[in-house]
Amino acid sequence: MTVKPSQTKSLAQATKSLNHQADSQERFKKFTILHSNDMHGDFLAEAREGDGLLIGGLSLLSGYINKVRADEKNVIYAIAGDMLQGSMIDTEFRGLSTMEIMNYLSPDVVTLGNHELDYGFPHLLFLEKMANFPIVNANLYIKKYGKRLMTPYLILNVDGFDIMFIGIVTEEVLKSLKLDTSIGTFVGLEDAVTEVGKICNTYKREDIDLTVLLTHIGFEEDKKLAAQLDPAWGVDMILGGHSHTLLEQPAEVNGILIAQAAVGTDQIGRFDITVDDETNQIVDWKWELVPINSDNCQPDRDLENFIATYKEAVDRKYNRIIGRLNRKLSHPVREQETELGNLFADVFASLDKLDVVFVGSGSIRGTSFGPVITLGDLKEIFSFDGPLYKYTVSGAKLLSIFNYILHDNNRVPGESNFLQVNRGVQAIFDTSTQQLASLTLQGQDIDPAKEYNILLQDYTCMNAQACLGLSEAELGESKVLTTSSQNVLEEYITSHQHIDSHLENRLVFI
């Protein structure tokens, strides 16, 4: 058959077009990155009042992830820290249950959060060995030997593209490590910017197509970190956690996209991105916070049944009623006086002759409590079972403490060291001047020269500078009032029925 010139031209054009399409497909690749953070043992779905819609839980979350993995070609699932703590299933099995459940969920990469250290550093190393997924962190060191504690980064090859994940964690980890005196002094937190620079400079000669920081330092700190990174290092994205920030859209700082997926399993972050192999840059992206509920997610029944085996064991041990409150009490946010904060502070105040009781708002791991209370409910809402200490301090130091804890710098949502206080205390803080306007005890002004008895949790006194604005030395000597704060709460609730607690303007902002 004779091919006419026009046909030859047409065939050449078609071949060129096909080659161009092939080159384009090789140069530009689409990826879907799913990300969670601060899951805190949020394993089980909850029914919404009114319509019974199931919200959150790992069964529905796994169902959504499975669907995306089936529908899209290049899917990566990352978790930005704090898988542990927040549920009785996690607490009872000291994180072993969580790691087994996470193995089922099979994330591609995870970084440490501060609560991964809650059971101690040696136990974390054991949990890491249980994980079938990589855990990365670049900025925790054993200072004595100059060695990183964890694998600092991971390079995933996905459809021919190399994607690097670098893990960065908050200084909150060091606060947790202070509770483990055997190793706390040997672990230091290196400057995050320096660590990112070291890794990026070492591997930028490689063809890294996308660089992602997987952080657990809080959204505001993520933005500060991004602003300090050298653009030549090629960081494209920060997927963060710790501050529980709910976003409408990612921030963009210094050309770096920054996202976070709030808290728990009620939602998951989703990036759909296109990466250019020649420039190693994101050329197109779309992000959404996908709600995890029974309307748009099919449950993963196998995972549901697996979690149920742990739940049954916990229920047998802890599902006994220890008391009943007069009504449901709330703890909606950390950075203000709450009904639950008042309740726990008042219970601890009954231990001894105490003037001021400080209860860490972050140690209350839920937003509501009661009215019927099981032992499991108590251990879940107040999961940090440690000793309580009595100190005697001057009125001047007490005034300094309140001036510190009520300052705006200490009330960043999700990141604060805010403290709840007992009945009889009233602090009034002027937000315009950022100064304490007054502090009274039983209606009487605090006398700077007088001495007062205060109560602190172990975490607070071990991290006195960060939590109170005073050093441990300035606090002075202490006396242990109890070795178990949970025992105190259980005994009190068991012997006092129909307890109530209200907001009483103990902590006032004007």
Protein backbone atom coordinates (compact mmCIF):
# COMPACT_ATOMS: atom_id res chain seq x y z
CA MET A 1 0.00 0.00 0.00
CA THR A 2 1.29 3.43 -0.89
CA VAL A 3 1.23 5.97 1.93
CA LYS A 4 0.38 9.48 0.79
CA PRO A 5 2.45 12.42 2.16
CA SER A 6 -0.54 13.71 4.06
CA GLN A 7 -0.94 10.34 5.72
CA THR A 8 2.77 10.24 6.60
CA LYS A 9 2.50 13.68 8.20
CA SER A 10 -0.60 12.58 10.07
CA LEU A 11 1.14 9.47 11.42
CA ALA A 12 4.18 11.52 12.47
CA GLN A 13 1.98 14.02 14.27
CA ALA A 14 0.12 11.26 16.04
CA THR A 15 3.40 9.61 17.13
CA LYS A 16 4.76 12.97 18.32
CA SER A 17 1.55 13.59 20.22
CA LEU A 18 1.70 10.17 21.87
CA ASN A 19 5.36 10.71 22.82
CA HIS A 20 4.50 14.16 24.22
CA GLN A 21 1.69 12.63 26.27
CA ALA A 22 4.01 9.90 27.53
CA ASP A 23 6.67 12.50 28.46
CA SER A 24 4.01 14.57 30.20
CA GLN A 25 2.79 11.56 32.15
CA GLU A 26 6.36 10.82 33.24
CA ARG A 27 7.02 14.45 34.20
CA PHE A 28 3.77 15.19 36.04
CA LYS A 29 2.37 12.78 38.60
CA LYS A 30 -0.75 13.00 40.70
CA PHE A 31 -0.73 11.93 44.34
CA THR A 32 -3.32 11.75 47.09
CA ILE A 33 -1.94 12.34 50.59
CA LEU A 34 -4.29 11.54 53.47
CA HIS A 35 -3.26 12.77 56.90
CA SER A 36 -4.42 12.45 60.51
CA ASN A 37 -3.05 13.81 63.78
CA ASP A 38 -3.84 13.67 67.49
CA MET A 39 -6.03 10.59 67.18
CA HIS A 40 -5.68 9.97 70.93
CA GLY A 41 -7.17 6.49 70.95
CA ASP A 42 -10.40 7.68 69.33
CA PHE A 43 -11.25 4.17 68.20
CA LEU A 44 -15.03 4.02 68.38
CA ALA A 45 -17.75 5.84 66.44
CA GLU A 46 -20.27 7.94 68.33
CA ALA A 47 -23.93 8.45 67.44
CA ARG A 48 -25.00 12.05 66.92
CA GLU A 49 -27.98 13.08 69.00
CA GLY A 50 -31.18 13.43 67.00
CA ASP A 51 -30.50 11.52 63.80
CA GLY A 52 -28.20 8.73 65.03
CA LEU A 53 -25.52 9.50 62.42
CA LEU A 54 -22.33 7.65 63.34
CA ILE A 55 -19.33 9.99 63.53
CA GLY A 56 -15.66 9.08 63.66
CA GLY A 57 -14.07 5.88 64.85
CA LEU A 58 -11.39 3.78 63.17
CA SER A 59 -13.83 1.44 61.43
CA LEU A 60 -15.31 4.30 59.38
CA LEU A 61 -11.91 5.94 58.98
CA SER A 62 -10.43 2.70 57.68
CA GLY A 63 -13.39 2.32 55.33
CA TYR A 64 -12.69 5.76 53.83
CA ILE A 65 -8.96 5.10 53.50
CA ASN A 66 -9.65 1.73 51.85
CA LYS A 67 -11.96 3.41 49.32
CA VAL A 68 -9.41 6.10 48.44
CA ARG A 69 -6.69 3.48 48.08
CA ALA A 70 -8.94 1.55 45.71
CA ASP A 71 -10.06 4.58 43.68
CA GLU A 72 -6.78 6.50 43.34
CA LYS A 73 -3.47 5.30 41.93
CA ASN A 74 -0.89 6.95 44.19
CA VAL A 75 -2.10 7.19 47.80
CA ILE A 76 -0.04 7.94 50.91
CA TYR A 77 -1.45 7.95 54.44
CA ALA A 78 0.54 9.83 57.11
CA ILE A 79 -0.06 10.40 60.84
CA ALA A 80 1.45 13.47 62.54
CA GLY A 81 1.79 12.18 66.09
CA ASP A 82 -0.25 11.44 69.22
CA MET A 83 -1.79 8.12 68.28
CA LEU A 84 -1.71 7.23 72.00
CA GLN A 85 -3.69 8.31 75.08
CA GLY A 86 -7.30 9.41 75.41
CA SER A 87 -9.12 6.06 75.68
CA MET A 88 -9.35 3.25 78.19
CA ILE A 89 -8.40 0.75 75.49
CA ASP A 90 -5.09 2.56 75.05
CA THR A 91 -4.48 3.14 78.76
CA GLU A 92 -5.28 -0.40 79.88
CA PHE A 93 -2.87 -1.97 77.38
CA ARG A 94 -0.28 0.83 77.63
CA GLY A 95 -0.40 1.56 73.93
CA LEU A 96 0.04 -2.06 72.78
CA SER A 97 -3.55 -2.17 71.59
CA THR A 98 -3.10 1.09 69.69
CA MET A 99 -0.03 -0.17 67.84
CA GLU A 100 -1.77 -3.38 66.84
CA ILE A 101 -4.79 -1.42 65.61
CA MET A 102 -2.51 1.00 63.75
CA ASN A 103 -0.79 -1.97 62.11
CA TYR A 104 -4.20 -2.88 60.72
CA LEU A 105 -4.75 0.68 59.51
CA SER A 106 -1.27 0.52 57.92
CA PRO A 107 -0.11 4.13 57.58
CA ASP A 108 2.80 4.71 55.20
CA VAL A 109 4.67 6.95 57.64
CA VAL A 110 4.15 8.28 61.19
CA THR A 111 5.96 10.80 63.37
CA LEU A 112 6.14 10.98 67.15
CA GLY A 113 3.86 13.16 69.24
CA ASN A 114 4.44 14.10 72.86
CA HIS A 115 1.92 11.51 74.09
CA GLU A 116 3.90 8.68 72.51
CA LEU A 117 6.21 9.23 75.53
CA ASP A 118 3.49 8.98 78.18
CA TYR A 119 4.38 5.42 79.13
CA GLY A 120 8.10 6.22 79.28
CA PHE A 121 10.88 6.18 76.75
CA PRO A 122 11.87 2.50 77.16
CA HIS A 123 8.24 1.53 76.53
CA LEU A 124 8.19 3.71 73.40
CA LEU A 125 11.12 1.71 72.00
CA PHE A 126 9.11 -1.45 72.63
CA LEU A 127 6.06 0.03 70.87
CA GLU A 128 8.23 1.05 67.93
CA LYS A 129 9.37 -2.54 67.50
CA MET A 130 5.71 -3.61 67.38
CA ALA A 131 4.92 -1.17 64.55
CA ASN A 132 4.78 -2.54 61.02
CA PHE A 133 5.06 1.03 59.72
CA PRO A 134 7.98 3.49 59.82
CA ILE A 135 8.17 6.08 62.62
CA VAL A 136 10.38 9.07 61.82
CA ASN A 137 11.87 11.81 64.00
CA ALA A 138 14.90 13.97 63.25
CA ASN A 139 15.31 16.13 66.32
CA LEU A 140 15.42 13.90 69.40
CA TYR A 141 18.98 13.04 70.38
CA ILE A 142 20.85 11.12 73.05
CA LYS A 143 23.14 14.01 73.90
CA LYS A 144 25.85 11.92 75.51
CA TYR A 145 26.51 10.08 72.25
CA GLY A 146 25.22 12.60 69.71
CA LYS A 147 22.94 9.95 68.27
CA ARG A 148 19.40 10.41 67.02
CA LEU A 149 16.87 8.31 68.88
CA MET A 150 14.76 7.46 65.84
CA THR A 151 15.05 7.12 62.08
CA PRO A 152 15.07 10.79 60.99
CA TYR A 153 13.43 10.53 57.57
CA LEU A 154 11.83 8.18 55.08
CA ILE A 155 12.02 8.27 51.29
CA LEU A 156 9.03 6.61 49.64
CA ASN A 157 9.24 5.73 45.95
CA VAL A 158 5.72 6.06 44.62
CA ASP A 159 5.11 5.47 40.91
CA GLY A 160 8.71 6.40 40.11
CA PHE A 161 8.73 9.59 42.21
CA ASP A 162 10.79 9.92 45.42
CA ILE A 163 8.94 11.55 48.30
CA MET A 164 10.83 12.35 51.51
CA PHE A 165 9.17 12.65 54.92
CA ILE A 166 11.08 14.22 57.83
CA GLY A 167 9.73 13.98 61.39
CA ILE A 168 9.85 16.91 63.86
CA VAL A 169 8.40 16.91 67.38
CA THR A 170 7.54 19.56 69.97
CA GLU A 171 9.40 20.43 73.16
CA GLU A 172 6.40 18.94 75.00
CA VAL A 173 8.24 15.63 74.60
CA LEU A 174 10.98 16.85 76.91
CA LYS A 175 8.36 17.77 79.51
CA SER A 176 7.01 14.22 79.36
CA LEU A 177 10.51 12.77 79.58
CA LYS A 178 11.12 14.63 82.84
CA LEU A 179 8.72 12.14 84.44
CA ASP A 180 11.20 9.40 83.48
CA THR A 181 14.28 10.43 85.48
CA SER A 182 16.43 7.58 84.18
CA ILE A 183 16.72 9.04 80.70
CA GLY A 184 15.40 12.59 80.76
CA THR A 185 18.79 14.21 81.22
CA PHE A 186 20.26 12.38 78.24
CA VAL A 187 17.71 13.46 75.65
CA GLY A 188 17.75 16.89 74.06
CA LEU A 189 15.63 18.64 71.48
CA GLU A 190 17.80 20.04 68.69
CA ASP A 191 16.82 23.06 66.69
CA ALA A 192 14.24 21.94 64.16
CA VAL A 193 15.41 24.27 61.39
CA THR A 194 18.98 23.01 61.69
CA GLU A 195 17.87 19.39 61.54
CA VAL A 196 15.69 19.93 58.47
CA GLY A 197 18.58 21.75 56.80
CA LYS A 198 21.01 18.91 57.53
CA ILE A 199 18.78 16.31 55.94
CA CYS A 200 17.70 18.37 52.94
CA ASN A 201 21.25 19.47 52.20
CA THR A 202 22.46 15.89 52.38
CA TYR A 203 19.84 14.49 50.02
CA LYS A 204 19.05 17.34 47.65
CA ARG A 205 21.59 15.84 45.24
CA GLU A 206 19.21 12.91 44.98
CA ASP A 207 16.16 13.33 42.81
CA ILE A 208 13.73 14.06 45.64
CA ASP A 209 10.51 15.07 43.92
CA LEU A 210 8.57 16.11 47.03
CA THR A 211 9.70 16.96 50.58
CA VAL A 212 7.17 16.82 53.42
CA LEU A 213 7.75 17.73 57.06
CA LEU A 214 5.63 15.59 59.34
CA THR A 215 5.53 17.67 62.51
CA HIS A 216 4.03 17.68 65.97
CA ILE A 217 4.79 21.21 67.14
CA GLY A 218 1.47 23.09 66.71
CA PHE A 219 0.05 25.14 63.85
CA GLU A 220 1.52 28.49 64.89
CA GLU A 221 4.94 26.90 65.34
CA ASP A 222 4.59 25.24 61.94
CA LYS A 223 4.18 28.68 60.37
CA LYS A 224 7.23 30.00 62.23
CA LEU A 225 9.24 26.96 61.14
CA ALA A 226 8.23 27.38 57.49
CA ALA A 227 9.25 31.04 57.53
CA GLN A 228 12.78 30.10 58.65
CA LEU A 229 13.42 27.33 56.12
CA ASP A 230 15.75 28.06 53.21
CA PRO A 231 13.79 27.73 49.94
CA ALA A 232 16.85 26.01 48.46
CA TRP A 233 16.16 23.05 50.77
CA GLY A 234 13.06 22.28 48.75
CA VAL A 235 10.47 21.71 51.51
CA ASP A 236 7.05 21.64 49.83
CA MET A 237 4.59 20.82 52.60
CA ILE A 238 4.12 20.59 56.36
CA LEU A 239 1.55 18.15 57.76
CA GLY A 240 1.24 18.99 61.43
CA GLY A 241 -0.38 18.19 64.74
CA HIS A 242 -0.38 19.00 68.48
CA SER A 243 -2.54 22.16 68.48
CA HIS A 244 -5.73 20.37 67.29
CA THR A 245 -6.28 23.18 64.77
CA LEU A 246 -9.41 23.03 62.61
CA LEU A 247 -8.71 24.58 59.20
CA GLU A 248 -10.87 25.67 56.31
CA GLN A 249 -7.85 25.71 54.00
CA PRO A 250 -4.09 25.24 54.45
CA ALA A 251 -1.82 28.16 55.23
CA GLU A 252 1.00 28.99 52.81
CA VAL A 253 4.22 30.43 54.25
CA ASN A 254 7.47 30.85 52.34
CA GLY A 255 5.96 28.82 49.51
CA ILE A 256 5.22 25.88 51.85
CA LEU A 257 1.71 24.48 52.30
CA ILE A 258 0.78 23.87 55.96
CA ALA A 259 -2.19 21.70 56.98
CA GLN A 260 -3.57 19.94 60.05
CA ALA A 261 -6.63 17.74 60.60
CA ALA A 262 -8.02 18.95 63.96
CA VAL A 263 -8.22 16.13 66.54
CA GLY A 264 -9.52 12.57 66.78
CA THR A 265 -11.00 10.51 63.96
CA ASP A 266 -14.08 12.59 63.13
CA GLN A 267 -12.26 13.88 60.03
CA ILE A 268 -9.21 13.30 57.85
CA GLY A 269 -7.16 15.73 55.78
CA ARG A 270 -6.86 15.06 52.05
CA PHE A 271 -4.40 16.62 49.60
CA ASP A 272 -4.75 15.89 45.89
CA ILE A 273 -1.57 17.23 44.32
CA THR A 274 0.32 17.23 41.02
CA VAL A 275 4.12 17.20 41.19
CA ASP A 276 6.52 18.25 38.41
CA ASP A 277 9.47 15.87 38.16
CA GLU A 278 11.67 18.47 36.44
CA THR A 279 11.22 21.26 38.98
CA ASN A 280 10.44 19.04 42.02
CA GLN A 281 7.53 21.31 42.88
CA ILE A 282 3.80 21.06 43.48
CA VAL A 283 2.17 22.62 40.42
CA ASP A 284 -1.46 21.99 41.37
CA TRP A 285 -3.22 21.08 44.60
CA LYS A 286 -6.58 20.72 46.29
CA TRP A 287 -7.15 20.16 50.01
CA GLU A 288 -10.24 19.29 52.01
CA LEU A 289 -11.09 18.17 55.51
CA VAL A 290 -13.19 15.10 54.86
CA PRO A 291 -15.84 14.28 57.51
CA ILE A 292 -15.74 10.67 58.68
CA ASN A 293 -19.31 9.53 59.24
CA SER A 294 -21.74 6.81 58.25
CA ASP A 295 -23.16 8.93 55.41
CA ASN A 296 -19.98 8.92 53.32
CA CYS A 297 -17.89 6.04 54.73
CA GLN A 298 -18.46 2.30 54.71
CA PRO A 299 -17.39 0.64 57.98
CA ASP A 300 -14.48 -1.78 57.99
CA ARG A 301 -16.14 -4.65 59.84
CA ASP A 302 -12.95 -6.67 60.27
CA LEU A 303 -11.26 -3.78 62.06
CA GLU A 304 -14.44 -3.14 64.04
CA ASN A 305 -14.42 -6.74 65.27
CA PHE A 306 -10.71 -6.53 66.09
CA ILE A 307 -11.22 -3.41 68.23
CA ALA A 308 -14.20 -5.06 69.90
CA THR A 309 -11.95 -7.74 71.41
CA TYR A 310 -10.07 -5.04 73.29
CA LYS A 311 -13.25 -3.19 74.24
CA GLU A 312 -14.80 -6.31 75.73
CA ALA A 313 -11.74 -6.90 77.92
CA VAL A 314 -11.79 -3.29 79.13
CA ASP A 315 -15.55 -3.30 79.74
CA ARG A 316 -15.35 -6.42 81.90
CA LYS A 317 -12.83 -4.72 84.15
CA TYR A 318 -14.01 -1.11 84.23
CA ASN A 319 -17.69 -1.00 83.28
CA ARG A 320 -18.97 -0.72 86.84
CA ILE A 321 -20.80 2.35 88.12
CA ILE A 322 -18.94 4.22 90.85
CA GLY A 323 -21.24 7.23 91.18
CA ARG A 324 -23.64 9.69 89.66
CA LEU A 325 -23.27 13.43 89.23
CA ASN A 326 -26.23 15.74 89.49
CA ARG A 327 -25.89 16.45 85.75
CA LYS A 328 -23.42 16.21 82.89
CA LEU A 329 -20.45 18.51 83.46
CA SER A 330 -18.50 20.11 80.62
CA HIS A 331 -14.90 20.91 79.74
CA PRO A 332 -15.33 22.46 76.27
CA VAL A 333 -11.88 24.08 75.94
CA ARG A 334 -8.64 24.16 77.91
CA GLU A 335 -8.06 27.90 78.06
CA GLN A 336 -10.81 28.94 80.46
CA GLU A 337 -12.49 27.97 83.72
CA THR A 338 -14.67 24.87 83.20
CA GLU A 339 -17.18 22.90 85.27
CA LEU A 340 -15.03 19.78 85.20
CA GLY A 341 -11.88 21.69 86.04
CA ASN A 342 -13.65 23.16 89.07
CA LEU A 343 -14.87 19.73 90.16
CA PHE A 344 -11.46 18.07 90.08
CA ALA A 345 -9.74 21.03 91.75
CA ASP A 346 -12.34 21.01 94.54
CA VAL A 347 -11.94 17.26 95.10
CA PHE A 348 -8.16 17.59 95.43
CA ALA A 349 -8.62 20.57 97.76
CA SER A 350 -10.23 18.19 100.27
CA LEU A 351 -6.94 16.30 100.70
CA ASP A 352 -5.29 18.74 103.13
CA LYS A 353 -5.22 22.33 104.31
CA LEU A 354 -4.67 23.89 100.91
CA ASP A 355 -5.14 27.46 99.76
CA VAL A 356 -4.79 27.01 96.00
CA VAL A 357 -5.09 23.81 93.98
CA PHE A 358 -3.81 23.84 90.40
CA VAL A 359 -5.11 21.22 87.96
CA GLY A 360 -3.70 21.07 84.45
CA SER A 361 -6.50 21.74 82.00
CA GLY A 362 -4.80 19.45 79.49
CA SER A 363 -4.90 16.52 81.91
CA ILE A 364 -8.69 16.45 81.50
CA ARG A 365 -9.04 14.29 78.39
CA GLY A 366 -12.61 14.94 77.32
CA THR A 367 -15.26 17.60 76.89
CA SER A 368 -17.98 16.15 79.14
CA PHE A 369 -18.43 13.81 82.10
CA GLY A 370 -21.46 12.10 83.65
CA PRO A 371 -24.08 12.10 84.91
CA VAL A 372 -23.62 8.33 85.42
CA ILE A 373 -19.92 7.53 85.97
CA THR A 374 -18.21 4.18 85.54
CA LEU A 375 -14.66 3.49 86.66
CA GLY A 376 -13.70 3.44 82.99
CA ASP A 377 -15.25 6.88 82.45
CA LEU A 378 -13.14 8.29 85.28
CA LYS A 379 -9.89 6.73 84.09
CA GLU A 380 -10.59 7.92 80.56
CA ILE A 381 -11.40 11.54 81.46
CA PHE A 382 -8.47 11.78 83.93
CA SER A 383 -6.00 9.32 82.50
CA PHE A 384 -2.78 10.74 83.96
CA ASP A 385 -2.52 8.88 87.26
CA GLY A 386 0.37 10.45 89.10
CA PRO A 387 1.23 11.86 92.54
CA LEU A 388 0.07 15.21 93.90
CA TYR A 389 2.48 17.50 95.73
CA LYS A 390 1.99 20.17 98.39
CA TYR A 391 4.24 23.25 98.38
CA THR A 392 4.40 26.32 100.60
CA VAL A 393 5.09 29.53 98.66
CA SER A 394 5.00 33.24 99.36
CA GLY A 395 2.11 35.40 98.25
CA ALA A 396 4.54 37.19 95.92
CA LYS A 397 5.30 33.91 94.13
CA LEU A 398 1.60 33.06 94.01
CA LEU A 399 0.85 36.39 92.34
CA SER A 400 3.66 35.71 89.87
CA ILE A 401 2.21 32.28 89.04
CA PHE A 402 -1.25 33.67 88.27
CA ASN A 403 0.20 36.52 86.23
CA TYR A 404 2.04 33.90 84.17
CA ILE A 405 -0.69 31.30 83.65
CA LEU A 406 -3.35 33.84 82.63
CA HIS A 407 -1.15 35.68 80.12
CA ASP A 408 -2.16 35.41 76.45
CA ASN A 409 1.16 33.69 75.67
CA ASN A 410 0.10 30.81 77.88
CA ARG A 411 -3.41 30.45 76.45
CA VAL A 412 -2.75 29.48 72.83
CA PRO A 413 -5.61 27.10 71.89
CA GLY A 414 -4.51 23.48 72.05
CA GLU A 415 -1.02 24.36 73.23
CA SER A 416 -1.59 26.05 76.59
CA ASN A 417 -0.46 25.14 80.10
CA PHE A 418 -3.67 26.60 81.48
CA LEU A 419 -4.56 25.59 85.04
CA GLN A 420 -7.91 25.15 86.78
CA VAL A 421 -8.27 26.26 90.43
CA ASN A 422 -10.36 25.45 93.51
CA ARG A 423 -13.33 27.23 95.09
CA GLY A 424 -12.53 30.38 97.05
CA VAL A 425 -9.91 31.58 94.57
CA GLN A 426 -10.68 34.48 92.23
CA ALA A 427 -8.14 35.88 89.79
CA ILE A 428 -9.02 38.85 87.58
CA PHE A 429 -6.73 39.41 84.61
CA ASP A 430 -6.64 42.54 82.44
CA THR A 431 -6.12 41.44 78.83
CA SER A 432 -5.43 44.99 77.67
CA THR A 433 -2.37 45.35 79.90
CA GLN A 434 -1.63 41.61 80.18
CA GLN A 435 -1.36 42.03 83.94
CA LEU A 436 -3.11 40.48 86.92
CA ALA A 437 -5.65 43.02 88.20
CA SER A 438 -6.43 41.22 91.47
CA LEU A 439 -6.08 37.89 93.24
CA THR A 440 -8.21 37.02 96.25
CA LEU A 441 -8.65 33.99 98.49
CA GLN A 442 -11.99 33.74 100.30
CA GLY A 443 -12.53 37.39 99.40
CA GLN A 444 -9.23 38.56 100.91
CA ASP A 445 -6.39 39.98 98.80
CA ILE A 446 -3.29 37.84 98.61
CA ASP A 447 -0.58 39.20 100.89
CA PRO A 448 2.81 39.10 99.09
CA ALA A 449 4.61 38.55 102.41
CA LYS A 450 2.37 35.76 103.67
CA GLU A 451 2.86 32.02 102.97
CA TYR A 452 0.27 29.88 101.18
CA ASN A 453 -0.14 26.14 100.63
CA ILE A 454 -0.58 25.06 97.03
CA LEU A 455 -1.10 21.70 95.31
CA LEU A 456 0.49 20.67 92.01
CA GLN A 457 0.38 17.59 89.79
CA ASP A 458 3.69 15.84 89.07
CA TYR A 459 3.81 17.05 85.46
CA THR A 460 3.34 20.67 86.56
CA CYS A 461 6.03 20.69 89.22
CA MET A 462 8.49 18.74 87.03
CA ASN A 463 7.98 21.41 84.37
CA ALA A 464 7.52 24.36 86.69
CA GLN A 465 9.28 26.89 84.48
CA ALA A 466 7.04 26.20 81.48
CA CYS A 467 3.83 25.70 83.48
CA LEU A 468 4.18 28.27 86.26
CA GLY A 469 6.93 30.66 85.24
CA LEU A 470 9.00 29.59 88.27
CA SER A 471 11.91 27.18 88.48
CA GLU A 472 11.74 24.00 90.56
CA ALA A 473 14.25 25.59 92.94
CA GLU A 474 11.98 28.62 93.40
CA LEU A 475 9.09 26.33 94.35
CA GLY A 476 11.13 24.86 97.19
CA GLU A 477 10.53 21.63 99.08
CA SER A 478 7.43 19.52 98.53
CA LYS A 479 5.35 16.93 100.36
CA VAL A 480 3.61 14.03 98.59
CA LEU A 481 -0.10 14.12 99.45
CA THR A 482 -1.01 11.07 97.37
CA THR A 483 0.73 8.74 94.96
CA SER A 484 -2.43 8.31 92.87
CA SER A 485 -4.67 11.19 91.83
CA GLN A 486 -7.09 8.68 90.26
CA ASN A 487 -7.54 6.92 93.59
CA VAL A 488 -8.50 10.22 95.21
CA LEU A 489 -11.09 10.99 92.54
CA GLU A 490 -12.55 7.47 92.63
CA GLU A 491 -12.87 7.45 96.40
CA TYR A 492 -14.48 10.90 96.49
CA ILE A 493 -16.99 10.21 93.71
CA THR A 494 -17.91 6.84 95.25
CA SER A 495 -18.68 8.40 98.63
CA HIS A 496 -20.37 11.62 97.39
CA GLN A 497 -23.42 11.13 95.21
CA HIS A 498 -25.17 13.79 93.07
CA ILE A 499 -22.12 16.06 92.99
CA ASP A 500 -22.56 19.29 91.05
CA SER A 501 -20.14 21.92 89.85
CA HIS A 502 -20.69 25.32 88.24
CA LEU A 503 -18.74 28.15 86.69
CA GLU A 504 -18.06 30.63 89.50
CA ASN A 505 -15.85 33.31 87.93
CA ARG A 506 -12.77 31.86 89.57
CA LEU A 507 -10.70 32.95 86.56
CA VAL A 508 -11.96 36.20 85.01
CA PHE A 509 -10.65 38.04 81.95
CA ILE A 510 -11.54 41.72 81.52
